[in-house]
Amino acid sequence: MSGNTRTMAFQIPEELFQRIKAHLERKTQRTGRKLTQREFVLNLIEEALIGVEAKSAPPFPPPAKTAVAPLPLLLPPDPLRWAPVGTLTGWPLRKPSGSTSGKCRQKRD
């Protein structure tokens, strides 16, 4: 934090005050370090603000506004229609006319 400080003063219900006090005592016993009311409240405020700011901030900056029109969507040609025979799979895509492939013959007795 910067060197400039401001004071916030507010009243809380007695029950909440006692709960905070009990929590701070348990924390001191568990960690061996005394956590002050000021540290506790400042940590709560910081955590709450970080959570709210993370939810409200856009995940990435919005795109810059430009006067350029979007490009038309160009689709690639259909590979099965325009690819040369045998280039996609290594096997002919079309059965050669007038012959049969020996790989698919059934064995006859």
N, C-alpha and C. Protein backbone atom coordinates (compact mmCIF):
# COMPACT_ATOMS: atom_id res chain seq x y z
N MET A 1 0.84 -1.18 0.00
CA MET A 1 0.00 0.00 0.00
C MET A 1 0.89 1.24 0.00
N SER A 2 0.32 2.33 -0.44
CA SER A 2 1.08 3.58 -0.46
C SER A 2 1.14 4.18 0.94
N GLY A 3 1.93 5.22 1.11
CA GLY A 3 2.09 5.86 2.41
C GLY A 3 0.87 6.63 2.85
N ASN A 4 0.00 7.00 1.92
CA ASN A 4 -1.21 7.73 2.28
C ASN A 4 -2.23 6.76 2.87
N THR A 5 -2.84 7.13 3.97
CA THR A 5 -3.85 6.28 4.60
C THR A 5 -5.11 7.09 4.86
N ARG A 6 -6.21 6.39 4.93
CA ARG A 6 -7.51 6.99 5.25
C ARG A 6 -8.12 6.16 6.36
N THR A 7 -8.99 6.78 7.13
CA THR A 7 -9.62 6.09 8.25
C THR A 7 -11.04 5.69 7.88
N MET A 8 -11.36 4.43 8.18
CA MET A 8 -12.73 3.95 8.05
C MET A 8 -13.18 3.54 9.45
N ALA A 9 -14.28 4.07 9.89
CA ALA A 9 -14.80 3.71 11.21
C ALA A 9 -16.26 3.29 11.05
N PHE A 10 -16.59 2.16 11.66
CA PHE A 10 -17.97 1.69 11.61
C PHE A 10 -18.24 0.83 12.82
N GLN A 11 -19.51 0.71 13.15
CA GLN A 11 -19.91 -0.10 14.29
C GLN A 11 -20.44 -1.43 13.79
N ILE A 12 -20.20 -2.47 14.60
CA ILE A 12 -20.68 -3.80 14.27
C ILE A 12 -21.43 -4.36 15.48
N PRO A 13 -22.32 -5.33 15.27
CA PRO A 13 -23.03 -5.92 16.40
C PRO A 13 -22.07 -6.64 17.35
N GLU A 14 -22.42 -6.68 18.61
CA GLU A 14 -21.60 -7.32 19.64
C GLU A 14 -21.32 -8.78 19.29
N GLU A 15 -22.33 -9.49 18.80
CA GLU A 15 -22.15 -10.91 18.46
C GLU A 15 -21.07 -11.09 17.39
N LEU A 16 -21.08 -10.26 16.36
CA LEU A 16 -20.07 -10.34 15.32
C LEU A 16 -18.69 -10.00 15.89
N PHE A 17 -18.61 -9.01 16.74
CA PHE A 17 -17.34 -8.64 17.37
C PHE A 17 -16.78 -9.82 18.16
N GLN A 18 -17.62 -10.52 18.91
CA GLN A 18 -17.16 -11.66 19.71
C GLN A 18 -16.70 -12.82 18.81
N ARG A 19 -17.39 -13.02 17.70
CA ARG A 19 -16.98 -14.07 16.76
C ARG A 19 -15.62 -13.76 16.16
N ILE A 20 -15.40 -12.49 15.81
CA ILE A 20 -14.10 -12.08 15.26
C ILE A 20 -13.01 -12.28 16.29
N LYS A 21 -13.30 -11.84 17.51
CA LYS A 21 -12.32 -11.97 18.59
C LYS A 21 -11.95 -13.44 18.83
N ALA A 22 -12.95 -14.33 18.85
CA ALA A 22 -12.70 -15.75 19.06
C ALA A 22 -11.88 -16.33 17.89
N HIS A 23 -12.19 -15.91 16.70
CA HIS A 23 -11.45 -16.38 15.52
C HIS A 23 -9.98 -15.97 15.60
N LEU A 24 -9.76 -14.71 15.98
CA LEU A 24 -8.38 -14.22 16.08
C LEU A 24 -7.61 -14.96 17.16
N GLU A 25 -8.25 -15.30 18.26
CA GLU A 25 -7.58 -16.06 19.32
C GLU A 25 -7.22 -17.47 18.83
N ARG A 26 -8.15 -18.13 18.12
CA ARG A 26 -7.87 -19.47 17.58
C ARG A 26 -6.72 -19.41 16.57
N LYS A 27 -6.74 -18.40 15.74
CA LYS A 27 -5.70 -18.24 14.72
C LYS A 27 -4.34 -18.03 15.38
N THR A 28 -4.30 -17.23 16.45
CA THR A 28 -3.06 -16.98 17.19
C THR A 28 -2.53 -18.27 17.79
N GLN A 29 -3.41 -19.07 18.38
CA GLN A 29 -2.98 -20.35 18.97
C GLN A 29 -2.49 -21.32 17.89
N ARG A 30 -3.16 -21.32 16.75
CA ARG A 30 -2.81 -22.25 15.67
C ARG A 30 -1.49 -21.87 15.00
N THR A 31 -1.25 -20.58 14.77
CA THR A 31 -0.06 -20.15 14.03
C THR A 31 1.08 -19.69 14.91
N GLY A 32 0.77 -19.32 16.15
CA GLY A 32 1.80 -18.79 17.03
C GLY A 32 2.11 -17.32 16.76
N ARG A 33 1.36 -16.70 15.88
CA ARG A 33 1.53 -15.27 15.56
C ARG A 33 0.19 -14.57 15.77
N LYS A 34 0.24 -13.45 16.48
CA LYS A 34 -0.99 -12.71 16.76
C LYS A 34 -1.43 -11.94 15.51
N LEU A 35 -2.64 -12.22 15.09
CA LEU A 35 -3.25 -11.51 13.98
C LEU A 35 -4.13 -10.41 14.57
N THR A 36 -3.86 -9.17 14.20
CA THR A 36 -4.62 -8.06 14.77
C THR A 36 -5.97 -7.91 14.07
N GLN A 37 -6.88 -7.21 14.73
CA GLN A 37 -8.18 -6.93 14.12
C GLN A 37 -7.99 -6.15 12.82
N ARG A 38 -7.07 -5.22 12.84
CA ARG A 38 -6.80 -4.40 11.66
C ARG A 38 -6.33 -5.27 10.50
N GLU A 39 -5.36 -6.15 10.73
CA GLU A 39 -4.86 -7.04 9.68
C GLU A 39 -5.98 -7.94 9.16
N PHE A 40 -6.77 -8.46 10.08
CA PHE A 40 -7.86 -9.36 9.71
C PHE A 40 -8.86 -8.66 8.79
N VAL A 41 -9.30 -7.47 9.18
CA VAL A 41 -10.30 -6.74 8.39
C VAL A 41 -9.71 -6.30 7.05
N LEU A 42 -8.46 -5.82 7.04
CA LEU A 42 -7.84 -5.41 5.78
C LEU A 42 -7.69 -6.61 4.83
N ASN A 43 -7.32 -7.77 5.36
CA ASN A 43 -7.22 -8.97 4.52
C ASN A 43 -8.57 -9.35 3.92
N LEU A 44 -9.63 -9.26 4.74
CA LEU A 44 -10.97 -9.57 4.24
C LEU A 44 -11.38 -8.63 3.11
N ILE A 45 -11.12 -7.35 3.31
CA ILE A 45 -11.48 -6.35 2.28
C ILE A 45 -10.69 -6.61 1.00
N GLU A 46 -9.39 -6.84 1.12
CA GLU A 46 -8.55 -7.10 -0.06
C GLU A 46 -9.04 -8.32 -0.82
N GLU A 47 -9.30 -9.42 -0.11
CA GLU A 47 -9.76 -10.65 -0.75
C GLU A 47 -11.10 -10.43 -1.46
N ALA A 48 -12.01 -9.72 -0.82
CA ALA A 48 -13.31 -9.45 -1.42
C ALA A 48 -13.17 -8.61 -2.68
N LEU A 49 -12.34 -7.58 -2.63
CA LEU A 49 -12.15 -6.72 -3.80
C LEU A 49 -11.50 -7.47 -4.95
N ILE A 50 -10.51 -8.30 -4.65
CA ILE A 50 -9.84 -9.07 -5.70
C ILE A 50 -10.86 -9.99 -6.39
N GLY A 51 -11.71 -10.64 -5.60
CA GLY A 51 -12.72 -11.52 -6.17
C GLY A 51 -13.72 -10.79 -7.04
N VAL A 52 -14.19 -9.65 -6.59
CA VAL A 52 -15.17 -8.87 -7.35
C VAL A 52 -14.53 -8.30 -8.61
N GLU A 53 -13.32 -7.80 -8.49
CA GLU A 53 -12.65 -7.22 -9.66
C GLU A 53 -12.35 -8.30 -10.70
N ALA A 54 -12.00 -9.50 -10.27
CA ALA A 54 -11.73 -10.58 -11.21
C ALA A 54 -12.99 -10.97 -11.97
N LYS A 55 -14.13 -10.95 -11.31
CA LYS A 55 -15.39 -11.32 -11.96
C LYS A 55 -15.86 -10.23 -12.92
N SER A 56 -15.62 -8.97 -12.59
CA SER A 56 -16.14 -7.88 -13.41
C SER A 56 -15.21 -7.47 -14.53
N ALA A 57 -13.93 -7.86 -14.47
CA ALA A 57 -12.98 -7.50 -15.51
C ALA A 57 -13.18 -8.39 -16.72
N PRO A 58 -13.10 -7.83 -17.93
CA PRO A 58 -13.22 -8.69 -19.11
C PRO A 58 -12.03 -9.64 -19.19
N PRO A 59 -12.25 -10.86 -19.71
CA PRO A 59 -11.15 -11.83 -19.75
C PRO A 59 -10.01 -11.40 -20.66
N PHE A 60 -10.30 -10.56 -21.64
CA PHE A 60 -9.27 -10.02 -22.51
C PHE A 60 -9.79 -8.70 -23.04
N PRO A 61 -8.89 -7.82 -23.51
CA PRO A 61 -9.35 -6.51 -23.96
C PRO A 61 -10.27 -6.66 -25.19
N PRO A 62 -11.26 -5.77 -25.28
CA PRO A 62 -12.16 -5.85 -26.43
C PRO A 62 -11.40 -5.54 -27.72
N PRO A 63 -11.84 -6.08 -28.85
CA PRO A 63 -11.13 -5.82 -30.10
C PRO A 63 -11.20 -4.34 -30.47
N ALA A 64 -10.15 -3.88 -31.12
CA ALA A 64 -10.11 -2.48 -31.54
C ALA A 64 -11.14 -2.26 -32.64
N LYS A 65 -11.77 -1.11 -32.61
CA LYS A 65 -12.76 -0.79 -33.62
C LYS A 65 -12.02 -0.33 -34.88
N THR A 66 -12.35 -0.94 -36.00
CA THR A 66 -11.72 -0.58 -37.26
C THR A 66 -12.79 -0.29 -38.29
N ALA A 67 -12.43 0.45 -39.32
CA ALA A 67 -13.35 0.79 -40.38
C ALA A 67 -13.27 -0.23 -41.51
N VAL A 68 -12.43 -1.24 -41.37
CA VAL A 68 -12.26 -2.24 -42.41
C VAL A 68 -13.38 -3.27 -42.33
N ALA A 69 -13.96 -3.59 -43.48
CA ALA A 69 -15.03 -4.58 -43.53
C ALA A 69 -14.42 -5.97 -43.34
N PRO A 70 -15.15 -6.88 -42.72
CA PRO A 70 -14.60 -8.23 -42.54
C PRO A 70 -14.44 -8.93 -43.89
N LEU A 71 -13.45 -9.78 -43.97
CA LEU A 71 -13.21 -10.54 -45.19
C LEU A 71 -14.28 -11.60 -45.35
N PRO A 72 -14.66 -11.91 -46.62
CA PRO A 72 -15.64 -12.98 -46.82
C PRO A 72 -15.04 -14.32 -46.43
N LEU A 73 -15.88 -15.21 -46.00
CA LEU A 73 -15.45 -16.54 -45.60
C LEU A 73 -15.15 -17.35 -46.84
N LEU A 74 -13.91 -17.78 -46.98
CA LEU A 74 -13.51 -18.60 -48.12
C LEU A 74 -13.31 -20.03 -47.65
N LEU A 75 -14.09 -20.93 -48.19
CA LEU A 75 -13.97 -22.32 -47.82
C LEU A 75 -13.02 -23.02 -48.77
N PRO A 76 -12.22 -23.94 -48.27
CA PRO A 76 -11.34 -24.70 -49.16
C PRO A 76 -12.18 -25.60 -50.06
N PRO A 77 -11.65 -25.97 -51.21
CA PRO A 77 -12.42 -26.86 -52.08
C PRO A 77 -12.63 -28.21 -51.42
N ASP A 78 -13.64 -28.91 -51.87
CA ASP A 78 -13.95 -30.23 -51.34
C ASP A 78 -12.82 -31.18 -51.72
N PRO A 79 -12.04 -31.72 -50.75
CA PRO A 79 -10.88 -32.54 -51.10
C PRO A 79 -11.26 -33.83 -51.81
N LEU A 80 -12.43 -34.38 -51.55
CA LEU A 80 -12.81 -35.62 -52.21
C LEU A 80 -13.20 -35.37 -53.66
N ARG A 81 -13.63 -34.18 -53.97
CA ARG A 81 -14.04 -33.87 -55.33
C ARG A 81 -12.85 -33.45 -56.20
N TRP A 82 -11.90 -32.72 -55.59
CA TRP A 82 -10.84 -32.12 -56.39
C TRP A 82 -9.46 -32.75 -56.20
N ALA A 83 -9.28 -33.61 -55.24
CA ALA A 83 -7.96 -34.21 -55.02
C ALA A 83 -7.69 -35.28 -56.07
N PRO A 84 -6.45 -35.34 -56.55
CA PRO A 84 -6.11 -36.40 -57.51
C PRO A 84 -6.27 -37.77 -56.87
N VAL A 85 -6.55 -38.74 -57.65
CA VAL A 85 -6.77 -40.10 -57.17
C VAL A 85 -5.52 -40.58 -56.43
N GLY A 86 -5.72 -41.14 -55.23
CA GLY A 86 -4.63 -41.72 -54.46
C GLY A 86 -3.85 -40.75 -53.60
N THR A 87 -4.15 -39.46 -53.64
CA THR A 87 -3.33 -38.51 -52.87
C THR A 87 -3.76 -38.38 -51.42
N LEU A 88 -5.00 -38.69 -51.10
CA LEU A 88 -5.46 -38.50 -49.73
C LEU A 88 -5.13 -39.69 -48.83
N THR A 89 -5.33 -40.90 -49.33
CA THR A 89 -5.14 -42.06 -48.47
C THR A 89 -4.06 -43.00 -48.96
N GLY A 90 -3.55 -42.77 -50.15
CA GLY A 90 -2.59 -43.70 -50.72
C GLY A 90 -3.27 -44.77 -51.55
N TRP A 91 -4.57 -44.88 -51.47
CA TRP A 91 -5.36 -45.83 -52.25
C TRP A 91 -6.20 -45.04 -53.23
N PRO A 92 -6.50 -45.61 -54.38
CA PRO A 92 -7.38 -44.88 -55.30
C PRO A 92 -8.74 -44.64 -54.65
N LEU A 93 -9.26 -43.45 -54.84
CA LEU A 93 -10.57 -43.13 -54.30
C LEU A 93 -11.67 -43.68 -55.20
N ARG A 94 -11.36 -43.82 -56.48
CA ARG A 94 -12.33 -44.35 -57.43
C ARG A 94 -11.81 -45.68 -57.96
N LYS A 95 -12.70 -46.59 -58.17
CA LYS A 95 -12.31 -47.89 -58.70
C LYS A 95 -11.94 -47.72 -60.17
N PRO A 96 -10.75 -48.18 -60.56
CA PRO A 96 -10.39 -48.05 -61.98
C PRO A 96 -11.38 -48.82 -62.85
N SER A 97 -11.73 -48.25 -63.96
CA SER A 97 -12.71 -48.91 -64.84
C SER A 97 -12.05 -50.07 -65.57
N GLY A 98 -12.79 -51.16 -65.70
CA GLY A 98 -12.31 -52.30 -66.47
C GLY A 98 -11.42 -53.25 -65.71
N SER A 99 -11.09 -53.01 -64.47
CA SER A 99 -10.25 -53.95 -63.74
C SER A 99 -10.73 -54.06 -62.31
N THR A 100 -10.33 -55.10 -61.64
CA THR A 100 -10.68 -55.27 -60.24
C THR A 100 -9.41 -55.28 -59.43
N SER A 101 -9.50 -54.85 -58.26
CA SER A 101 -8.34 -54.83 -57.38
C SER A 101 -8.16 -56.19 -56.77
N GLY A 102 -6.93 -56.71 -56.73
CA GLY A 102 -6.66 -58.02 -56.17
C GLY A 102 -6.75 -58.03 -54.66
N LYS A 103 -6.76 -56.91 -54.01
CA LYS A 103 -6.78 -56.83 -52.56
C LYS A 103 -8.14 -57.19 -51.98
N CYS A 104 -9.21 -57.08 -52.77
CA CYS A 104 -10.55 -57.29 -52.23
C CYS A 104 -11.18 -58.59 -52.73
N ARG A 105 -10.48 -59.40 -53.46
CA ARG A 105 -11.05 -60.63 -53.99
C ARG A 105 -11.32 -61.61 -52.87
N GLN A 106 -12.41 -62.35 -53.04
CA GLN A 106 -12.71 -63.41 -52.10
C GLN A 106 -12.09 -64.70 -52.61
N LYS A 107 -11.61 -65.49 -51.68
CA LYS A 107 -11.00 -66.75 -52.05
C LYS A 107 -12.11 -67.75 -52.41
N ARG A 108 -11.98 -68.37 -53.58
CA ARG A 108 -12.97 -69.35 -54.02
C ARG A 108 -12.39 -70.73 -53.90
N ASP A 109 -13.22 -71.67 -53.47
CA ASP A 109 -12.76 -73.06 -53.35
C ASP A 109 -12.90 -73.79 -54.64
